[in-house]
Amino acid sequence: MIFVRIWNSDTEIAPYICIINNMFHSNTFQIMKDSKKIELLNELVSKSTPQNVNFTPHNGNYCVTLVAVQPVDFFGNKKRNFKIKGRLDEGKTISADLIAEGEMLFGIEGLPYVAHEGDRTPIYKIVRASILCAYGALQLPYLHRSMRNIARQDYPFTKKDNKEQLKAEIRFMKKLAAVNGDSGRHTKARTALIHSTSSRLKDCLLYYKEYEPRIYEQIQNSMTELQPFIPSKEDSESAVPDMFVWKYDSDYPSETFDHQVVMFNAKSKNKGQFWWDYLKLNIFLEDPEYRLGYYILMNRWQIPVIQRWIAEYREKALFESQCARDYLLFYLKAGEKTPVRVLNSQGVQVKVKMIPR
């Protein structure tokens, strides 16, 4: 039997609506997936500034007080005052509990520990960089799963014949694009060779030329510096393409969003190609249309070499995007039976949990 009470005034019903709303929001955060928590934390640290930081070195506990410079919307409730508290496990992972206006919303563990300035990195910068790195890794489970759908014999592990090696690399990227397209998830993928006159590159450059002339000039200077390593339009059939992945609305399939770009390199001794790919990733990730970028490195790569090449890239003052520093990840696969290693934009290995969506 169901009992219904009829209220005669808005004053009497308001407290009950408030209670129901609080119960709804509480349950929403309790059942929220880790991926959604990371998205909300990413939005928060992107729109806020730290006011106070407390840290206890002997146990790694921290608490950061934040004020949002733009309102952060949590399911219809716009809030400005936040705290993130948790524990830093140096070199491994961090945990983060989010508190808004004094209310504990949710907690998450296992975020990758990222300290771009080593031991001298301020605590808030570690928390922020770790959250951004975790956000950058949100699509890694799909990329990892897609690669596992490709037969092992189709992986371009080192071959003695250079022509066969190149064919294997091109074939691998085309197969990777084929398995990344998924109508059920409203995802499409396509390969394209990025040369000086490619349409995708031109679209980005036109945007920068109109809205960010300083960035446009930096990119043009960098492309001039790396011109010997840039393929031409005539190389479309004989050079390794890049993969672009995007989402779409089934009701409006021509409208695309959440673009990501994936580069591939199987030549661990070719610094020029590495620099050109790294520049491309920085160019695309600076564009607001692109959300994430991954660089797949296959065969025997040495992490110190990657770090040295990134340092030399910066010494040459080649263009680097802040979004790439925040979100770019390297995906290393040395051989058929070797485990995957993930590096952040500095070339430092991070512990990334393959979070299910």
Protein backbone atom coordinates (compact mmCIF):
# COMPACT_ATOMS: atom_id res chain seq x y z
CA MET A 1 0.00 0.00 0.00
CA ILE A 2 1.34 3.47 -0.93
CA PHE A 3 0.52 6.53 1.18
CA VAL A 4 0.58 9.94 -0.47
CA ARG A 5 0.65 13.19 1.44
CA ILE A 6 -0.63 16.35 -0.22
CA TRP A 7 1.16 19.59 0.77
CA ASN A 8 -0.67 22.89 0.64
CA SER A 9 2.30 25.22 0.53
CA ASP A 10 5.67 25.59 -1.14
CA THR A 11 7.20 26.37 2.27
CA GLU A 12 6.26 22.97 3.62
CA ILE A 13 7.48 20.99 0.60
CA ALA A 14 10.83 22.77 0.12
CA PRO A 15 12.76 20.93 2.90
CA TYR A 16 11.66 17.57 1.52
CA ILE A 17 12.81 18.50 -2.00
CA CYS A 18 16.17 19.54 -0.53
CA ILE A 19 16.52 16.19 1.24
CA ILE A 20 15.67 14.29 -1.97
CA ASN A 21 18.17 16.36 -3.96
CA ASN A 22 20.92 15.70 -1.39
CA MET A 23 20.15 11.97 -1.46
CA PHE A 24 20.31 12.02 -5.27
CA HIS A 25 23.68 13.80 -5.41
CA SER A 26 25.12 11.57 -2.66
CA ASN A 27 24.10 8.41 -4.49
CA THR A 28 25.34 9.84 -7.80
CA PHE A 29 28.87 10.34 -6.44
CA GLN A 30 28.85 6.93 -4.70
CA ILE A 31 28.14 5.04 -7.93
CA MET A 32 30.22 7.30 -10.16
CA LYS A 33 32.84 5.59 -12.33
CA ASP A 34 36.49 6.48 -11.80
CA SER A 35 36.66 7.91 -15.33
CA LYS A 36 33.94 10.44 -14.50
CA LYS A 37 35.69 11.36 -11.25
CA ILE A 38 38.88 12.04 -13.20
CA GLU A 39 36.98 14.19 -15.70
CA LEU A 40 35.54 16.29 -12.85
CA LEU A 41 38.93 16.63 -11.14
CA ASN A 42 40.47 17.67 -14.47
CA GLU A 43 37.82 20.36 -14.91
CA LEU A 44 38.38 21.56 -11.34
CA VAL A 45 42.17 21.94 -11.49
CA SER A 46 41.84 23.58 -14.92
CA LYS A 47 39.49 26.24 -13.50
CA SER A 48 40.93 26.86 -10.04
CA THR A 49 43.88 28.34 -8.20
CA PRO A 50 45.43 27.06 -4.92
CA GLN A 51 44.91 29.11 -1.74
CA ASN A 52 46.58 26.93 0.87
CA VAL A 53 48.64 23.72 0.88
CA ASN A 54 49.34 21.46 3.86
CA PHE A 55 51.71 18.51 3.61
CA THR A 56 53.01 15.98 6.14
CA PRO A 57 56.27 14.53 4.74
CA HIS A 58 56.56 11.49 7.00
CA ASN A 59 53.28 9.94 5.82
CA GLY A 60 52.67 11.74 2.51
CA ASN A 61 49.30 13.20 3.55
CA TYR A 62 48.35 16.45 1.81
CA CYS A 63 45.44 18.90 1.66
CA VAL A 64 45.06 21.61 -0.99
CA THR A 65 42.46 24.39 -0.67
CA LEU A 66 41.26 25.68 -4.04
CA VAL A 67 39.13 28.57 -5.25
CA ALA A 68 37.60 28.20 -8.71
CA VAL A 69 38.22 31.19 -10.96
CA GLN A 70 35.29 29.91 -13.03
CA PRO A 71 32.23 28.14 -11.59
CA VAL A 72 32.57 24.36 -11.65
CA ASP A 73 29.25 22.62 -12.34
CA PHE A 74 28.62 19.42 -10.38
CA PHE A 75 25.27 18.14 -11.68
CA GLY A 76 23.55 21.52 -11.60
CA ASN A 77 25.28 22.80 -8.44
CA LYS A 78 27.85 25.45 -9.26
CA LYS A 79 30.54 25.59 -6.58
CA ARG A 80 33.68 27.66 -6.04
CA ASN A 81 35.36 26.48 -2.83
CA PHE A 82 37.07 23.11 -2.83
CA LYS A 83 39.59 20.94 -1.07
CA ILE A 84 41.53 18.00 -2.48
CA LYS A 85 43.12 15.82 0.17
CA GLY A 86 44.82 12.45 0.09
CA ARG A 87 48.20 10.75 0.14
CA LEU A 88 51.26 10.96 -2.09
CA ASP A 89 53.17 7.72 -2.59
CA GLU A 90 56.31 9.19 -4.13
CA GLY A 91 57.18 7.79 -7.53
CA LYS A 92 54.10 5.55 -7.59
CA THR A 93 50.56 6.86 -7.17
CA ILE A 94 48.45 9.43 -5.34
CA SER A 95 44.95 9.33 -3.87
CA ALA A 96 42.49 12.24 -3.97
CA ASP A 97 39.32 13.01 -2.02
CA LEU A 98 37.26 15.91 -3.34
CA ILE A 99 35.45 18.16 -0.87
CA ALA A 100 33.16 20.95 -2.15
CA GLU A 101 31.76 23.62 0.17
CA GLY A 102 32.58 21.34 3.12
CA GLU A 103 30.82 18.29 1.62
CA MET A 104 32.80 15.15 0.74
CA LEU A 105 31.84 14.27 -2.84
CA PHE A 106 34.05 11.32 -3.76
CA GLY A 107 37.48 9.74 -3.47
CA ILE A 108 39.74 8.00 -5.95
CA GLU A 109 43.00 6.06 -5.63
CA GLY A 110 45.76 4.96 -7.96
CA LEU A 111 46.30 8.20 -9.89
CA PRO A 112 49.77 8.26 -11.52
CA TYR A 113 52.39 10.20 -9.54
CA VAL A 114 53.82 13.00 -11.72
CA ALA A 115 56.49 15.47 -10.54
CA HIS A 116 57.85 17.43 -13.51
CA GLU A 117 60.48 19.21 -11.39
CA GLY A 118 61.66 16.14 -9.49
CA ASP A 119 62.16 16.50 -5.72
CA ARG A 120 61.67 20.27 -5.96
CA THR A 121 58.17 20.04 -7.40
CA PRO A 122 55.65 21.92 -5.19
CA ILE A 123 52.90 19.70 -3.75
CA TYR A 124 50.07 21.37 -5.64
CA LYS A 125 51.93 20.99 -8.93
CA ILE A 126 52.29 17.26 -8.22
CA VAL A 127 48.57 16.92 -7.48
CA ARG A 128 47.60 18.93 -10.55
CA ALA A 129 50.01 17.15 -12.92
CA SER A 130 48.93 13.75 -11.60
CA ILE A 131 45.25 14.52 -12.22
CA LEU A 132 45.94 15.85 -15.71
CA CYS A 133 48.05 12.79 -16.54
CA ALA A 134 45.23 10.53 -15.35
CA TYR A 135 42.82 12.45 -17.60
CA GLY A 136 45.21 12.06 -20.53
CA ALA A 137 45.17 8.30 -19.93
CA LEU A 138 41.38 7.93 -20.06
CA GLN A 139 41.40 6.61 -23.64
CA LEU A 140 44.42 4.34 -23.13
CA PRO A 141 42.24 1.33 -22.21
CA TYR A 142 40.50 1.57 -25.60
CA LEU A 143 43.78 1.98 -27.47
CA HIS A 144 45.30 -0.94 -25.55
CA ARG A 145 42.24 -3.11 -26.18
CA SER A 146 42.17 -2.16 -29.87
CA MET A 147 45.80 -3.14 -30.29
CA ARG A 148 45.06 -6.51 -28.70
CA ASN A 149 42.47 -7.06 -31.43
CA ILE A 150 45.24 -7.03 -34.02
CA ALA A 151 46.88 -10.40 -34.70
CA ARG A 152 50.40 -10.66 -33.28
CA GLN A 153 51.83 -11.54 -36.68
CA ASP A 154 50.62 -8.13 -37.91
CA TYR A 155 52.66 -6.22 -35.34
CA PRO A 156 55.65 -4.44 -36.94
CA PHE A 157 58.28 -5.84 -34.64
CA THR A 158 61.79 -5.51 -36.09
CA LYS A 159 62.24 -7.12 -39.50
CA LYS A 160 65.55 -7.53 -41.32
CA ASP A 161 64.25 -6.21 -44.63
CA ASN A 162 63.65 -2.41 -44.47
CA LYS A 163 60.96 -2.46 -47.16
CA GLU A 164 59.06 -5.21 -45.37
CA GLN A 165 59.44 -3.28 -42.11
CA LEU A 166 57.89 -0.17 -43.66
CA LYS A 167 55.02 -2.14 -45.20
CA ALA A 168 54.35 -3.76 -41.83
CA GLU A 169 54.23 -0.37 -40.08
CA ILE A 170 51.80 1.11 -42.63
CA ARG A 171 49.62 -2.01 -42.49
CA PHE A 172 49.59 -1.93 -38.68
CA MET A 173 48.35 1.68 -38.51
CA LYS A 174 45.58 0.96 -41.03
CA LYS A 175 44.48 -2.07 -39.03
CA LEU A 176 44.59 -0.02 -35.84
CA ALA A 177 42.27 2.58 -37.39
CA ALA A 178 39.92 -0.17 -38.55
CA VAL A 179 39.53 -1.63 -35.04
CA ASN A 180 39.18 1.81 -33.41
CA GLY A 181 36.07 2.65 -35.39
CA ASP A 182 33.05 1.50 -33.41
CA SER A 183 29.48 2.43 -34.35
CA GLY A 184 28.25 1.17 -30.97
CA ARG A 185 30.39 3.78 -29.20
CA HIS A 186 29.80 6.34 -31.97
CA THR A 187 33.53 6.44 -32.71
CA LYS A 188 35.28 6.81 -36.06
CA ALA A 189 38.96 6.52 -36.90
CA ARG A 190 41.03 7.23 -39.98
CA THR A 191 44.70 7.28 -40.98
CA ALA A 192 46.33 10.22 -42.74
CA LEU A 193 49.89 11.13 -43.60
CA ILE A 194 50.71 14.54 -42.17
CA HIS A 195 52.88 16.44 -44.63
CA SER A 196 53.38 20.20 -45.08
CA THR A 197 50.19 20.64 -47.13
CA SER A 198 47.91 18.07 -45.48
CA SER A 199 44.40 19.35 -44.79
CA ARG A 200 44.44 18.46 -41.07
CA LEU A 201 47.67 20.37 -40.51
CA LYS A 202 46.48 23.32 -42.62
CA ASP A 203 43.25 23.56 -40.59
CA CYS A 204 45.26 23.86 -37.38
CA LEU A 205 47.67 26.39 -38.87
CA LEU A 206 44.83 28.55 -40.21
CA TYR A 207 43.30 28.63 -36.74
CA TYR A 208 46.59 29.71 -35.16
CA LYS A 209 47.26 32.26 -37.88
CA GLU A 210 43.92 33.95 -37.22
CA TYR A 211 43.63 33.63 -33.44
CA GLU A 212 47.13 32.86 -32.12
CA PRO A 213 49.70 34.57 -34.39
CA ARG A 214 52.53 34.13 -31.88
CA ILE A 215 51.95 30.34 -31.79
CA TYR A 216 51.65 30.31 -35.58
CA GLU A 217 55.07 31.93 -35.92
CA GLN A 218 56.62 29.45 -33.46
CA ILE A 219 55.19 26.49 -35.37
CA GLN A 220 56.38 27.84 -38.73
CA ASN A 221 59.90 28.30 -37.36
CA SER A 222 59.86 24.78 -35.92
CA MET A 223 58.67 23.26 -39.19
CA THR A 224 61.43 25.08 -41.05
CA GLU A 225 63.97 23.66 -38.59
CA LEU A 226 62.65 20.10 -39.08
CA GLN A 227 61.97 20.38 -42.81
CA PRO A 228 64.44 17.55 -43.73
CA PHE A 229 62.30 15.08 -41.75
CA ILE A 230 58.86 16.14 -43.04
CA PRO A 231 57.40 13.79 -45.68
CA SER A 232 55.95 15.20 -48.88
CA LYS A 233 52.53 14.66 -50.40
CA GLU A 234 54.13 12.22 -52.84
CA ASP A 235 55.07 9.97 -49.92
CA SER A 236 51.43 9.20 -49.06
CA GLU A 237 51.73 5.58 -50.14
CA SER A 238 55.22 4.96 -48.79
CA ALA A 239 55.30 6.59 -45.35
CA VAL A 240 53.73 5.65 -42.02
CA PRO A 241 50.46 7.56 -41.46
CA ASP A 242 49.04 8.91 -38.22
CA MET A 243 45.67 7.90 -36.79
CA PHE A 244 42.85 10.30 -35.90
CA VAL A 245 39.94 9.20 -33.73
CA TRP A 246 36.79 11.17 -32.97
CA LYS A 247 33.28 10.79 -31.61
CA TYR A 248 30.02 11.83 -33.21
CA ASP A 249 26.32 12.16 -32.42
CA SER A 250 24.31 9.54 -34.30
CA ASP A 251 21.58 12.15 -34.91
CA TYR A 252 24.13 14.63 -36.27
CA PRO A 253 26.96 12.47 -37.68
CA SER A 254 28.72 15.40 -39.34
CA GLU A 255 29.32 17.07 -35.95
CA THR A 256 32.46 15.62 -34.38
CA PHE A 257 34.05 16.06 -30.95
CA ASP A 258 36.64 14.59 -28.54
CA HIS A 259 39.26 14.31 -31.28
CA GLN A 260 42.45 12.46 -30.45
CA VAL A 261 45.60 11.81 -32.44
CA VAL A 262 47.89 8.76 -32.33
CA MET A 263 51.41 8.68 -33.79
CA PHE A 264 53.54 5.59 -34.37
CA ASN A 265 57.31 5.09 -34.43
CA ALA A 266 59.21 1.82 -34.66
CA LYS A 267 62.65 3.36 -35.35
CA SER A 268 64.41 3.86 -32.04
CA LYS A 269 67.52 5.35 -33.66
CA ASN A 270 65.81 7.97 -35.85
CA LYS A 271 65.87 11.19 -33.81
CA GLY A 272 64.61 13.32 -36.69
CA GLN A 273 61.41 11.33 -37.08
CA PHE A 274 60.90 11.41 -33.31
CA TRP A 275 61.17 15.22 -33.29
CA TRP A 276 58.78 15.60 -36.22
CA ASP A 277 56.20 13.34 -34.58
CA TYR A 278 56.63 15.16 -31.27
CA LEU A 279 56.10 18.51 -33.02
CA LYS A 280 52.95 17.22 -34.71
CA LEU A 281 51.53 16.05 -31.39
CA ASN A 282 52.21 19.47 -29.89
CA ILE A 283 50.60 21.24 -32.86
CA PHE A 284 47.41 19.19 -32.72
CA LEU A 285 47.06 19.22 -28.93
CA GLU A 286 47.28 23.03 -28.86
CA ASP A 287 44.16 23.11 -31.07
CA PRO A 288 40.96 23.17 -28.92
CA GLU A 289 39.42 20.59 -31.25
CA TYR A 290 41.89 17.92 -30.12
CA ARG A 291 41.52 16.40 -26.68
CA LEU A 292 44.19 13.68 -26.29
CA GLY A 293 47.38 12.52 -27.97
CA TYR A 294 49.35 9.27 -27.78
CA TYR A 295 52.71 8.25 -29.22
CA ILE A 296 53.12 4.50 -29.74
CA LEU A 297 56.76 3.45 -29.67
CA MET A 298 57.39 -0.14 -30.72
CA ASN A 299 60.50 -2.31 -30.55
CA ARG A 300 63.46 -1.68 -28.25
CA TRP A 301 63.28 1.92 -27.01
CA GLN A 302 65.45 3.10 -24.12
CA ILE A 303 63.74 5.54 -21.78
CA PRO A 304 66.91 7.64 -21.16
CA VAL A 305 67.20 8.16 -24.94
CA ILE A 306 63.59 9.38 -25.13
CA GLN A 307 64.23 11.78 -22.25
CA ARG A 308 67.41 13.07 -23.89
CA TRP A 309 65.68 13.66 -27.22
CA ILE A 310 62.85 15.58 -25.50
CA ALA A 311 65.46 17.71 -23.67
CA GLU A 312 67.30 18.41 -26.94
CA TYR A 313 63.97 19.28 -28.61
CA ARG A 314 63.41 21.91 -25.92
CA GLU A 315 66.99 23.17 -26.13
CA LYS A 316 66.35 23.88 -29.82
CA ALA A 317 63.31 25.96 -28.72
CA LEU A 318 60.97 24.00 -30.96
CA PHE A 319 57.25 24.56 -30.41
CA GLU A 320 55.76 22.92 -27.34
CA SER A 321 52.12 23.08 -26.24
CA GLN A 322 51.10 23.30 -22.59
CA CYS A 323 48.27 20.86 -23.36
CA ALA A 324 50.85 18.39 -24.66
CA ARG A 325 52.88 18.78 -21.45
CA ASP A 326 49.70 18.09 -19.48
CA TYR A 327 48.11 15.24 -21.45
CA LEU A 328 50.54 13.64 -23.94
CA LEU A 329 51.50 10.03 -23.16
CA PHE A 330 53.98 7.57 -24.68
CA TYR A 331 52.89 3.93 -25.07
CA LEU A 332 55.92 1.59 -25.28
CA LYS A 333 55.69 -1.97 -26.56
CA ALA A 334 59.11 -3.57 -26.99
CA GLY A 335 58.10 -7.09 -28.02
CA GLU A 336 55.34 -9.63 -28.26
CA LYS A 337 55.61 -10.83 -24.64
CA THR A 338 56.92 -7.67 -22.97
CA PRO A 339 54.60 -5.59 -20.74
CA VAL A 340 53.45 -2.15 -21.85
CA ARG A 341 55.21 0.84 -20.32
CA VAL A 342 53.56 4.28 -20.18
CA LEU A 343 55.58 7.51 -20.03
CA ASN A 344 54.38 11.04 -19.38
CA SER A 345 55.25 14.02 -21.59
CA GLN A 346 58.68 14.25 -19.93
CA GLY A 347 59.50 10.67 -20.87
CA VAL A 348 59.21 9.52 -17.23
CA GLN A 349 57.51 6.18 -16.62
CA VAL A 350 54.22 6.47 -14.73
CA LYS A 351 51.93 3.90 -13.21
CA VAL A 352 48.70 4.10 -15.17
CA LYS A 353 45.65 2.11 -14.22
CA MET A 354 43.71 1.01 -17.31
CA ILE A 355 40.39 2.41 -16.09
CA PRO A 356 37.27 0.81 -17.63
CA ARG A 357 34.79 3.31 -19.05
